[in-house]
PDB file of N, CA and C in Angstrom:
ATOM      1  N   MET A   1      -0.634  -4.385 -12.129  1.00  0.00           N
ATOM      2  CA  MET A   1       0.538  -3.603 -12.442  1.00  0.00           C
ATOM      3  C   MET A   1       1.698  -4.130 -11.602  1.00  0.00           C
ATOM      4  N   THR A   2       2.805  -4.394 -12.243  1.00  0.00           N
ATOM      5  CA  THR A   2       3.995  -4.871 -11.545  1.00  0.00           C
ATOM      6  C   THR A   2       4.895  -3.690 -11.179  1.00  0.00           C
ATOM      7  N   LYS A   3       5.946  -3.976 -10.421  1.00  0.00           N
ATOM      8  CA  LYS A   3       6.882  -2.914 -10.060  1.00  0.00           C
ATOM      9  C   LYS A   3       7.557  -2.360 -11.317  1.00  0.00           C
ATOM     10  N   ALA A   4       7.841  -3.223 -12.283  1.00  0.00           N
ATOM     11  CA  ALA A   4       8.445  -2.772 -13.543  1.00  0.00           C
ATOM     12  C   ALA A   4       7.511  -1.825 -14.288  1.00  0.00           C
ATOM     13  N   ASP A   5       6.207  -2.134 -14.276  1.00  0.00           N
ATOM     14  CA  ASP A   5       5.219  -1.239 -14.901  1.00  0.00           C
ATOM     15  C   ASP A   5       5.173   0.101 -14.173  1.00  0.00           C
ATOM     16  N   LEU A   6       5.264   0.054 -12.867  1.00  0.00           N
ATOM     17  CA  LEU A   6       5.255   1.279 -12.064  1.00  0.00           C
ATOM     18  C   LEU A   6       6.479   2.137 -12.391  1.00  0.00           C
ATOM     19  N   VAL A   7       7.642   1.501 -12.484  1.00  0.00           N
ATOM     20  CA  VAL A   7       8.876   2.224 -12.834  1.00  0.00           C
ATOM     21  C   VAL A   7       8.721   2.855 -14.217  1.00  0.00           C
ATOM     22  N   GLU A   8       8.164   2.113 -15.146  1.00  0.00           N
ATOM     23  CA  GLU A   8       7.949   2.630 -16.501  1.00  0.00           C
ATOM     24  C   GLU A   8       7.039   3.858 -16.472  1.00  0.00           C
ATOM     25  N   ARG A   9       5.951   3.786 -15.726  1.00  0.00           N
ATOM     26  CA  ARG A   9       4.995   4.896 -15.629  1.00  0.00           C
ATOM     27  C   ARG A   9       5.648   6.108 -14.986  1.00  0.00           C
ATOM     28  N   VAL A  10       6.429   5.904 -13.914  1.00  0.00           N
ATOM     29  CA  VAL A  10       7.115   7.021 -13.248  1.00  0.00           C
ATOM     30  C   VAL A  10       8.128   7.656 -14.200  1.00  0.00           C
ATOM     31  N   THR A  11       8.854   6.828 -14.929  1.00  0.00           N
ATOM     32  CA  THR A  11       9.847   7.342 -15.887  1.00  0.00           C
ATOM     33  C   THR A  11       9.162   8.202 -16.946  1.00  0.00           C
ATOM     34  N   GLU A  12       8.044   7.734 -17.491  1.00  0.00           N
ATOM     35  CA  GLU A  12       7.310   8.504 -18.502  1.00  0.00           C
ATOM     36  C   GLU A  12       6.843   9.844 -17.941  1.00  0.00           C
ATOM     37  N   THR A  13       6.286   9.823 -16.737  1.00  0.00           N
ATOM     38  CA  THR A  13       5.748  11.048 -16.134  1.00  0.00           C
ATOM     39  C   THR A  13       6.857  12.054 -15.858  1.00  0.00           C
ATOM     40  N   ILE A  14       7.971  11.585 -15.303  1.00  0.00           N
ATOM     41  CA  ILE A  14       9.069  12.497 -14.979  1.00  0.00           C
ATOM     42  C   ILE A  14       9.732  13.035 -16.239  1.00  0.00           C
ATOM     43  N   SER A  15       9.862  12.198 -17.260  1.00  0.00           N
ATOM     44  CA  SER A  15      10.519  12.662 -18.485  1.00  0.00           C
ATOM     45  C   SER A  15       9.690  13.740 -19.194  1.00  0.00           C
ATOM     46  N   GLN A  16       8.375  13.768 -18.968  1.00  0.00           N
ATOM     47  CA  GLN A  16       7.537  14.812 -19.566  1.00  0.00           C
ATOM     48  C   GLN A  16       7.804  16.175 -18.935  1.00  0.00           C
ATOM     49  N   THR A  17       8.133  16.183 -17.645  1.00  0.00           N
ATOM     50  CA  THR A  17       8.346  17.467 -16.962  1.00  0.00           C
ATOM     51  C   THR A  17       9.825  17.817 -16.817  1.00  0.00           C
ATOM     52  N   ALA A  18      10.680  16.817 -16.590  1.00  0.00           N
ATOM     53  CA  ALA A  18      12.094  17.084 -16.340  1.00  0.00           C
ATOM     54  C   ALA A  18      12.953  16.834 -17.571  1.00  0.00           C
ATOM     55  N   GLY A  19      12.361  16.303 -18.622  1.00  0.00           N
ATOM     56  CA  GLY A  19      13.142  15.989 -19.812  1.00  0.00           C
ATOM     57  C   GLY A  19      13.807  14.625 -19.683  1.00  0.00           C
ATOM     58  N   PRO A  20      14.572  14.251 -20.684  1.00  0.00           N
ATOM     59  CA  PRO A  20      15.165  12.904 -20.701  1.00  0.00           C
ATOM     60  C   PRO A  20      16.378  12.732 -19.786  1.00  0.00           C
ATOM     61  N   MET A  21      16.625  13.686 -18.882  1.00  0.00           N
ATOM     62  CA  MET A  21      17.810  13.579 -18.026  1.00  0.00           C
ATOM     63  C   MET A  21      17.647  12.559 -16.900  1.00  0.00           C
ATOM     64  N   ILE A  22      16.457  12.046 -16.660  1.00  0.00           N
ATOM     65  CA  ILE A  22      16.217  11.038 -15.633  1.00  0.00           C
ATOM     66  C   ILE A  22      16.128   9.681 -16.321  1.00  0.00           C
ATOM     67  N   SER A  23      16.972   8.751 -15.916  1.00  0.00           N
ATOM     68  CA  SER A  23      16.968   7.431 -16.551  1.00  0.00           C
ATOM     69  C   SER A  23      15.968   6.502 -15.869  1.00  0.00           C
ATOM     70  N   LYS A  24      15.657   5.420 -16.553  1.00  0.00           N
ATOM     71  CA  LYS A  24      14.758   4.415 -15.992  1.00  0.00           C
ATOM     72  C   LYS A  24      15.400   3.787 -14.752  1.00  0.00           C
ATOM     73  N   LYS A  25      16.717   3.653 -14.777  1.00  0.00           N
ATOM     74  CA  LYS A  25      17.442   3.089 -13.626  1.00  0.00           C
ATOM     75  C   LYS A  25      17.288   3.986 -12.397  1.00  0.00           C
ATOM     76  N   ASP A  26      17.359   5.305 -12.595  1.00  0.00           N
ATOM     77  CA  ASP A  26      17.182   6.253 -11.489  1.00  0.00           C
ATOM     78  C   ASP A  26      15.757   6.187 -10.940  1.00  0.00           C
ATOM     79  N   CYS A  27      14.783   6.077 -11.841  1.00  0.00           N
ATOM     80  CA  CYS A  27      13.393   5.965 -11.400  1.00  0.00           C
ATOM     81  C   CYS A  27      13.169   4.671 -10.633  1.00  0.00           C
ATOM     82  N   ALA A  28      13.822   3.600 -11.046  1.00  0.00           N
ATOM     83  CA  ALA A  28      13.714   2.323 -10.331  1.00  0.00           C
ATOM     84  C   ALA A  28      14.270   2.470  -8.917  1.00  0.00           C
ATOM     85  N   ARG A  29      15.357   3.231  -8.787  1.00  0.00           N
ATOM     86  CA  ARG A  29      15.925   3.477  -7.452  1.00  0.00           C
ATOM     87  C   ARG A  29      14.963   4.267  -6.577  1.00  0.00           C
ATOM     88  N   VAL A  30      14.281   5.245  -7.166  1.00  0.00           N
ATOM     89  CA  VAL A  30      13.315   6.058  -6.417  1.00  0.00           C
ATOM     90  C   VAL A  30      12.148   5.185  -5.956  1.00  0.00           C
ATOM     91  N   VAL A  31      11.609   4.369  -6.855  1.00  0.00           N
ATOM     92  CA  VAL A  31      10.494   3.488  -6.497  1.00  0.00           C
ATOM     93  C   VAL A  31      10.923   2.511  -5.409  1.00  0.00           C
ATOM     94  N   ASP A  32      12.119   1.915  -5.564  1.00  0.00           N
ATOM     95  CA  ASP A  32      12.630   0.985  -4.545  1.00  0.00           C
ATOM     96  C   ASP A  32      12.811   1.680  -3.203  1.00  0.00           C
ATOM     97  N   ALA A  33      13.350   2.904  -3.222  1.00  0.00           N
ATOM     98  CA  ALA A  33      13.571   3.644  -1.974  1.00  0.00           C
ATOM     99  C   ALA A  33      12.234   3.961  -1.293  1.00  0.00           C
ATOM    100  N   PHE A  34      11.223   4.329  -2.089  1.00  0.00           N
ATOM    101  CA  PHE A  34       9.902   4.625  -1.538  1.00  0.00           C
ATOM    102  C   PHE A  34       9.309   3.377  -0.879  1.00  0.00           C
ATOM    103  N   LEU A  35       9.353   2.261  -1.582  1.00  0.00           N
ATOM    104  CA  LEU A  35       8.802   1.022  -1.035  1.00  0.00           C
ATOM    105  C   LEU A  35       9.587   0.557   0.193  1.00  0.00           C
ATOM    106  N   ASP A  36      10.911   0.717   0.168  1.00  0.00           N
ATOM    107  CA  ASP A  36      11.727   0.349   1.331  1.00  0.00           C
ATOM    108  C   ASP A  36      11.400   1.218   2.536  1.00  0.00           C
ATOM    109  N   ALA A  37      11.147   2.513   2.301  1.00  0.00           N
ATOM    110  CA  ALA A  37      10.793   3.409   3.403  1.00  0.00           C
ATOM    111  C   ALA A  37       9.479   2.975   4.038  1.00  0.00           C
ATOM    112  N   ILE A  38       8.517   2.560   3.220  1.00  0.00           N
ATOM    113  CA  ILE A  38       7.238   2.073   3.751  1.00  0.00           C
ATOM    114  C   ILE A  38       7.459   0.792   4.548  1.00  0.00           C
ATOM    115  N   LYS A  39       8.229  -0.145   3.993  1.00  0.00           N
ATOM    116  CA  LYS A  39       8.482  -1.414   4.693  1.00  0.00           C
ATOM    117  C   LYS A  39       9.200  -1.182   6.017  1.00  0.00           C
ATOM    118  N   ASP A  40      10.202  -0.294   6.016  1.00  0.00           N
ATOM    119  CA  ASP A  40      10.954  -0.027   7.248  1.00  0.00           C
ATOM    120  C   ASP A  40      10.061   0.596   8.315  1.00  0.00           C
ATOM    121  N   ALA A  41       9.205   1.541   7.914  1.00  0.00           N
ATOM    122  CA  ALA A  41       8.310   2.180   8.879  1.00  0.00           C
ATOM    123  C   ALA A  41       7.334   1.164   9.460  1.00  0.00           C
ATOM    124  N   LEU A  42       6.778   0.294   8.616  1.00  0.00           N
ATOM    125  CA  LEU A  42       5.853  -0.720   9.113  1.00  0.00           C
ATOM    126  C   LEU A  42       6.565  -1.712  10.025  1.00  0.00           C
ATOM    127  N   LYS A  43       7.805  -2.044   9.692  1.00  0.00           N
ATOM    128  CA  LYS A  43       8.593  -2.951  10.536  1.00  0.00           C
ATOM    129  C   LYS A  43       8.794  -2.353  11.926  1.00  0.00           C
ATOM    130  N   GLU A  44       8.913  -1.014  11.982  1.00  0.00           N
ATOM    131  CA  GLU A  44       9.080  -0.305  13.260  1.00  0.00           C
ATOM    132  C   GLU A  44       7.731   0.023  13.906  1.00  0.00           C
ATOM    133  N   GLN A  45       6.640  -0.558  13.375  1.00  0.00           N
ATOM    134  CA  GLN A  45       5.291  -0.379  13.920  1.00  0.00           C
ATOM    135  C   GLN A  45       4.805   1.066  13.801  1.00  0.00           C
ATOM    136  N   ARG A  46       5.256   1.788  12.766  1.00  0.00           N
ATOM    137  CA  ARG A  46       4.805   3.166  12.542  1.00  0.00           C
ATOM    138  C   ARG A  46       3.836   3.205  11.374  1.00  0.00           C
ATOM    139  N   ASN A  47       2.868   4.117  11.431  1.00  0.00           N
ATOM    140  CA  ASN A  47       1.917   4.316  10.347  1.00  0.00           C
ATOM    141  C   ASN A  47       2.499   5.271   9.316  1.00  0.00           C
ATOM    142  N   ILE A  48       2.089   5.109   8.056  1.00  0.00           N
ATOM    143  CA  ILE A  48       2.501   5.998   6.980  1.00  0.00           C
ATOM    144  C   ILE A  48       1.245   6.568   6.352  1.00  0.00           C
ATOM    145  N   GLU A  49       1.118   7.888   6.360  1.00  0.00           N
ATOM    146  CA  GLU A  49      -0.043   8.531   5.774  1.00  0.00           C
ATOM    147  C   GLU A  49       0.397   9.314   4.548  1.00  0.00           C
ATOM    148  N   VAL A  50      -0.184   8.989   3.395  1.00  0.00           N
ATOM    149  CA  VAL A  50       0.073   9.711   2.160  1.00  0.00           C
ATOM    150  C   VAL A  50      -1.234  10.417   1.809  1.00  0.00           C
ATOM    151  N   ARG A  51      -1.276  11.718   2.031  1.00  0.00           N
ATOM    152  CA  ARG A  51      -2.510  12.492   1.821  1.00  0.00           C
ATOM    153  C   ARG A  51      -3.027  12.303   0.403  1.00  0.00           C
ATOM    154  N   GLY A  52      -4.316  12.089   0.288  1.00  0.00           N
ATOM    155  CA  GLY A  52      -4.942  11.900  -1.010  1.00  0.00           C
ATOM    156  C   GLY A  52      -4.790  10.487  -1.557  1.00  0.00           C
ATOM    157  N   PHE A  53      -4.027   9.635  -0.875  1.00  0.00           N
ATOM    158  CA  PHE A  53      -3.826   8.257  -1.328  1.00  0.00           C
ATOM    159  C   PHE A  53      -4.342   7.263  -0.304  1.00  0.00           C
ATOM    160  N   GLY A  54      -3.790   7.328   0.911  1.00  0.00           N
ATOM    161  CA  GLY A  54      -4.250   6.429   1.954  1.00  0.00           C
ATOM    162  C   GLY A  54      -3.234   6.273   3.063  1.00  0.00           C
ATOM    163  N   THR A  55      -3.524   5.336   3.966  1.00  0.00           N
ATOM    164  CA  THR A  55      -2.682   5.108   5.133  1.00  0.00           C
ATOM    165  C   THR A  55      -2.287   3.644   5.217  1.00  0.00           C
ATOM    166  N   PHE A  56      -1.000   3.414   5.397  1.00  0.00           N
ATOM    167  CA  PHE A  56      -0.482   2.077   5.670  1.00  0.00           C
ATOM    168  C   PHE A  56      -0.312   2.002   7.175  1.00  0.00           C
ATOM    169  N   LYS A  57      -0.830   0.963   7.798  1.00  0.00           N
ATOM    170  CA  LYS A  57      -0.674   0.844   9.243  1.00  0.00           C
ATOM    171  C   LYS A  57      -0.564  -0.611   9.650  1.00  0.00           C
ATOM    172  N   ILE A  58      -0.212  -0.813  10.913  1.00  0.00           N
ATOM    173  CA  ILE A  58      -0.111  -2.156  11.489  1.00  0.00           C
ATOM    174  C   ILE A  58      -1.329  -2.381  12.362  1.00  0.00           C
ATOM    175  N   ARG A  59      -1.979  -3.504  12.165  1.00  0.00           N
ATOM    176  CA  ARG A  59      -3.112  -3.881  12.999  1.00  0.00           C
ATOM    177  C   ARG A  59      -2.739  -5.188  13.701  1.00  0.00           C
ATOM    178  N   ASN A  60      -3.052  -5.270  14.969  1.00  0.00           N
ATOM    179  CA  ASN A  60      -2.745  -6.488  15.732  1.00  0.00           C
ATOM    180  C   ASN A  60      -3.929  -7.442  15.677  1.00  0.00           C
ATOM    181  N   ARG A  61      -3.682  -8.615  15.114  1.00  0.00           N
ATOM    182  CA  ARG A  61      -4.722  -9.646  15.065  1.00  0.00           C
ATOM    183  C   ARG A  61      -4.725 -10.415  16.372  1.00  0.00           C
ATOM    184  N   LYS A  62      -5.906 -10.775  16.825  1.00  0.00           N
ATOM    185  CA  LYS A  62      -6.034 -11.543  18.059  1.00  0.00           C
ATOM    186  C   LYS A  62      -5.791 -13.025  17.787  1.00  0.00           C
ATOM    187  N   THR A  63      -5.514 -13.754  18.855  1.00  0.00           N
ATOM    188  CA  THR A  63      -5.422 -15.207  18.743  1.00  0.00           C
ATOM    189  C   THR A  63      -6.799 -15.737  18.365  1.00  0.00           C
ATOM    190  N   ARG A  64      -6.823 -16.713  17.455  1.00  0.00           N
ATOM    191  CA  ARG A  64      -8.116 -17.254  17.031  1.00  0.00           C
ATOM    192  C   ARG A  64      -7.989 -18.740  16.727  1.00  0.00           C
ATOM    193  N   MET A  65      -9.130 -19.365  16.660  1.00  0.00           N
ATOM    194  CA  MET A  65      -9.170 -20.776  16.311  1.00  0.00           C
ATOM    195  C   MET A  65      -9.501 -20.898  14.822  1.00  0.00           C
ATOM    196  N   ALA A  66      -8.759 -21.771  14.134  1.00  0.00           N
ATOM    197  CA  ALA A  66      -9.002 -22.045  12.721  1.00  0.00           C
ATOM    198  C   ALA A  66      -9.060 -23.557  12.555  1.00  0.00           C
ATOM    199  N   ARG A  67      -9.270 -24.005  11.332  1.00  0.00           N
ATOM    200  CA  ARG A  67      -9.324 -25.438  11.063  1.00  0.00           C
ATOM    201  C   ARG A  67      -8.304 -25.814  10.010  1.00  0.00           C
ATOM    202  N   ASN A  68      -7.666 -26.959  10.224  1.00  0.00           N
ATOM    203  CA  ASN A  68      -6.784 -27.517   9.220  1.00  0.00           C
ATOM    204  C   ASN A  68      -7.688 -27.995   8.073  1.00  0.00           C
ATOM    205  N   PRO A  69      -7.510 -27.494   6.849  1.00  0.00           N
ATOM    206  CA  PRO A  69      -8.421 -27.862   5.771  1.00  0.00           C
ATOM    207  C   PRO A  69      -8.360 -29.345   5.389  1.00  0.00           C
ATOM    208  N   ARG A  70      -7.238 -29.994   5.624  1.00  0.00           N
ATOM    209  CA  ARG A  70      -7.122 -31.422   5.292  1.00  0.00           C
ATOM    210  C   ARG A  70      -7.832 -32.322   6.293  1.00  0.00           C
ATOM    211  N   THR A  71      -7.575 -32.046   7.569  1.00  0.00           N
ATOM    212  CA  THR A  71      -8.085 -32.949   8.603  1.00  0.00           C
ATOM    213  C   THR A  71      -9.337 -32.421   9.295  1.00  0.00           C
ATOM    214  N   GLY A  72      -9.589 -31.122   9.187  1.00  0.00           N
ATOM    215  CA  GLY A  72     -10.723 -30.532   9.887  1.00  0.00           C
ATOM    216  C   GLY A  72     -10.430 -30.304  11.359  1.00  0.00           C
ATOM    217  N   GLU A  73      -9.212 -30.613  11.777  1.00  0.00           N
ATOM    218  CA  GLU A  73      -8.809 -30.479  13.182  1.00  0.00           C
ATOM    219  C   GLU A  73      -8.653 -29.000  13.543  1.00  0.00           C
ATOM    220  N   PRO A  74      -9.163 -28.565  14.707  1.00  0.00           N
ATOM    221  CA  PRO A  74      -8.993 -27.167  15.124  1.00  0.00           C
ATOM    222  C   PRO A  74      -7.517 -26.853  15.416  1.00  0.00           C
ATOM    223  N   VAL A  75      -7.100 -25.668  15.003  1.00  0.00           N
ATOM    224  CA  VAL A  75      -5.719 -25.225  15.196  1.00  0.00           C
ATOM    225  C   VAL A  75      -5.761 -23.802  15.737  1.00  0.00           C
ATOM    226  N   GLU A  76      -4.935 -23.503  16.716  1.00  0.00           N
ATOM    227  CA  GLU A  76      -4.877 -22.143  17.257  1.00  0.00           C
ATOM    228  C   GLU A  76      -3.892 -21.322  16.430  1.00  0.00           C
ATOM    229  N   VAL A  77      -4.354 -20.169  15.951  1.00  0.00           N
ATOM    230  CA  VAL A  77      -3.500 -19.245  15.216  1.00  0.00           C
ATOM    231  C   VAL A  77      -3.137 -18.135  16.191  1.00  0.00           C
ATOM    232  N   SER A  78      -1.851 -17.951  16.423  1.00  0.00           N
ATOM    233  CA  SER A  78      -1.405 -16.988  17.442  1.00  0.00           C
ATOM    234  C   SER A  78      -1.612 -15.541  16.993  1.00  0.00           C
ATOM    235  N   ALA A  79      -1.635 -14.652  17.978  1.00  0.00           N
ATOM    236  CA  ALA A  79      -1.775 -13.222  17.723  1.00  0.00           C
ATOM    237  C   ALA A  79      -0.523 -12.727  17.010  1.00  0.00           C
ATOM    238  N   ARG A  80      -0.717 -11.780  16.082  1.00  0.00           N
ATOM    239  CA  ARG A  80       0.430 -11.238  15.362  1.00  0.00           C
ATOM    240  C   ARG A  80       0.049  -9.918  14.700  1.00  0.00           C
ATOM    241  N   PRO A  81       1.020  -9.072  14.456  1.00  0.00           N
ATOM    242  CA  PRO A  81       0.747  -7.825  13.742  1.00  0.00           C
ATOM    243  C   PRO A  81       0.673  -8.099  12.232  1.00  0.00           C
ATOM    244  N   VAL A  82      -0.239  -7.411  11.542  1.00  0.00           N
ATOM    245  CA  VAL A  82      -0.364  -7.542  10.090  1.00  0.00           C
ATOM    246  C   VAL A  82      -0.446  -6.146   9.466  1.00  0.00           C
ATOM    247  N   PRO A  83       0.168  -5.948   8.296  1.00  0.00           N
ATOM    248  CA  PRO A  83       0.055  -4.651   7.626  1.00  0.00           C
ATOM    249  C   PRO A  83      -1.302  -4.526   6.938  1.00  0.00           C
ATOM    250  N   VAL A  84      -1.885  -3.332   6.996  1.00  0.00           N
ATOM    251  CA  VAL A  84      -3.149  -3.060   6.325  1.00  0.00           C
ATOM    252  C   VAL A  84      -3.037  -1.715   5.603  1.00  0.00           C
ATOM    253  N   PHE A  85      -3.866  -1.539   4.585  1.00  0.00           N
ATOM    254  CA  PHE A  85      -3.918  -0.281   3.845  1.00  0.00           C
ATOM    255  C   PHE A  85      -5.347   0.233   3.884  1.00  0.00           C
ATOM    256  N   LYS A  86      -5.499   1.495   4.257  1.00  0.00           N
ATOM    257  CA  LYS A  86      -6.816   2.119   4.256  1.00  0.00           C
ATOM    258  C   LYS A  86      -6.778   3.254   3.238  1.00  0.00           C
ATOM    259  N   PRO A  87      -7.535   3.115   2.139  1.00  0.00           N
ATOM    260  CA  PRO A  87      -7.514   4.163   1.115  1.00  0.00           C
ATOM    261  C   PRO A  87      -8.180   5.441   1.602  1.00  0.00           C
ATOM    262  N   SER A  88      -7.728   6.573   1.062  1.00  0.00           N
ATOM    263  CA  SER A  88      -8.325   7.863   1.410  1.00  0.00           C
ATOM    264  C   SER A  88      -9.671   8.013   0.705  1.00  0.00           C
ATOM    265  N   LYS A  89     -10.427   8.994   1.151  1.00  0.00           N
ATOM    266  CA  LYS A  89     -11.708   9.291   0.503  1.00  0.00           C
ATOM    267  C   LYS A  89     -11.504   9.617  -0.973  1.00  0.00           C
ATOM    268  N   GLU A  90     -10.460  10.383  -1.265  1.00  0.00           N
ATOM    269  CA  GLU A  90     -10.181  10.773  -2.642  1.00  0.00           C
ATOM    270  C   GLU A  90      -9.916   9.555  -3.521  1.00  0.00           C
ATOM    271  N   LEU A  91      -9.142   8.598  -3.017  1.00  0.00           N
ATOM    272  CA  LEU A  91      -8.834   7.394  -3.790  1.00  0.00           C
ATOM    273  C   LEU A  91     -10.084   6.532  -3.974  1.00  0.00           C
ATOM    274  N   ARG A  92     -10.878   6.393  -2.911  1.00  0.00           N
ATOM    275  CA  ARG A  92     -12.118   5.617  -3.029  1.00  0.00           C
ATOM    276  C   ARG A  92     -13.058   6.246  -4.046  1.00  0.00           C
ATOM    277  N   ALA A  93     -13.154   7.588  -4.051  1.00  0.00           N
ATOM    278  CA  ALA A  93     -14.015   8.284  -5.014  1.00  0.00           C
ATOM    279  C   ALA A  93     -13.497   8.101  -6.434  1.00  0.00           C
ATOM    280  N   LEU A  94     -12.194   8.161  -6.606  1.00  0.00           N
ATOM    281  CA  LEU A  94     -11.590   7.981  -7.924  1.00  0.00           C
ATOM    282  C   LEU A  94     -11.865   6.587  -8.469  1.00  0.00           C
ATOM    283  N   VAL A  95     -11.682   5.574  -7.644  1.00  0.00           N
ATOM    284  CA  VAL A  95     -11.904   4.191  -8.060  1.00  0.00           C
ATOM    285  C   VAL A  95     -13.380   3.944  -8.368  1.00  0.00           C
ATOM    286  N   ALA A  96     -14.274   4.513  -7.566  1.00  0.00           N
ATOM    287  CA  ALA A  96     -15.711   4.326  -7.750  1.00  0.00           C
ATOM    288  C   ALA A  96     -16.274   5.254  -8.825  1.00  0.00           C
ATOM    289  N   ASP A  97     -15.437   6.184  -9.326  1.00  0.00           N
ATOM    290  CA  ASP A  97     -15.857   7.166 -10.322  1.00  0.00           C
ATOM    291  C   ASP A  97     -17.054   7.979  -9.824  1.00  0.00           C
ATOM    292  N   LEU A  98     -16.930   8.434  -8.567  1.00  0.00           N
ATOM    293  CA  LEU A  98     -17.972   9.235  -7.928  1.00  0.00           C
ATOM    294  C   LEU A  98     -17.364  10.529  -7.402  1.00  0.00           C
ATOM    295  N   PRO A  99     -18.186  11.559  -7.210  1.00  0.00           N
ATOM    296  CA  PRO A  99     -17.669  12.759  -6.531  1.00  0.00           C
ATOM    297  C   PRO A  99     -17.348  12.434  -5.072  1.00  0.00           C
ATOM    298  N   ILE A 100     -16.391  13.121  -4.506  1.00  0.00           N
ATOM    299  CA  ILE A 100     -15.957  12.854  -3.120  1.00  0.00           C
ATOM    300  C   ILE A 100     -17.109  12.982  -2.146  1.00  0.00           C
ATOM    301  N   GLU A 101     -18.050  13.879  -2.418  1.00  0.00           N
ATOM    302  CA  GLU A 101     -19.178  14.084  -1.503  1.00  0.00           C
ATOM    303  C   GLU A 101     -20.031  12.831  -1.334  1.00  0.00           C
ATOM    304  N   GLU A 102     -20.046  11.962  -2.345  1.00  0.00           N
ATOM    305  CA  GLU A 102     -20.872  10.761  -2.264  1.00  0.00           C
ATOM    306  C   GLU A 102     -20.204   9.602  -1.530  1.00  0.00           C
ATOM    307  N   ILE A 103     -18.926   9.749  -1.228  1.00  0.00           N
ATOM    308  CA  ILE A 103     -18.202   8.699  -0.512  1.00  0.00           C
ATOM    309  C   ILE A 103     -18.415   8.899   0.976  1.00  0.00           C
ATOM    310  N   GLY A 104     -18.914   7.882   1.648  1.00  0.00           N
ATOM    311  CA  GLY A 104     -19.173   7.960   3.091  1.00  0.00           C
ATOM    312  C   GLY A 104     -17.942   7.604   3.890  1.00  0.00           C
ATOM    313  N   GLY A 105     -18.063   7.686   5.196  1.00  0.00           N
ATOM    314  CA  GLY A 105     -16.976   7.318   6.101  1.00  0.00           C
ATOM    315  C   GLY A 105     -16.122   8.521   6.452  1.00  0.00           C
ATOM    316  N   ALA A 106     -15.475   8.420   7.583  1.00  0.00           N
ATOM    317  CA  ALA A 106     -14.619   9.504   8.046  1.00  0.00           C
ATOM    318  C   ALA A 106     -13.175   9.191   7.738  1.00  0.00           C
ATOM    319  N   ASP A 107     -12.452  10.178   7.216  1.00  0.00           N
ATOM    320  CA  ASP A 107     -11.017  10.045   6.972  1.00  0.00           C
ATOM    321  C   ASP A 107     -10.270  11.136   7.657  1.00  0.00           C
TER     322      ASP A 107
END
């Protein structure tokens, strides 16, 4: 699903409840604002928790040794923060088509 598909889906859903007064352009602005808010929070090293969906957070990767695939020469990859997404139990159950009780792990 692309961002355009997401905007289309949001527009359809909102128009069913709010009527045709919300344009696709307005929905695109809402989707962009939501994604920008997530990016800005992650840039500031803050976690974002969306109940029933999941958590976006920053994880710090350690320095590690890797190999150049062309030469096979060892290369040091420096430590850096990376964004990660951890789905909620509800989302994992939905994707697996299982009841929430059957999904393990703590959330």
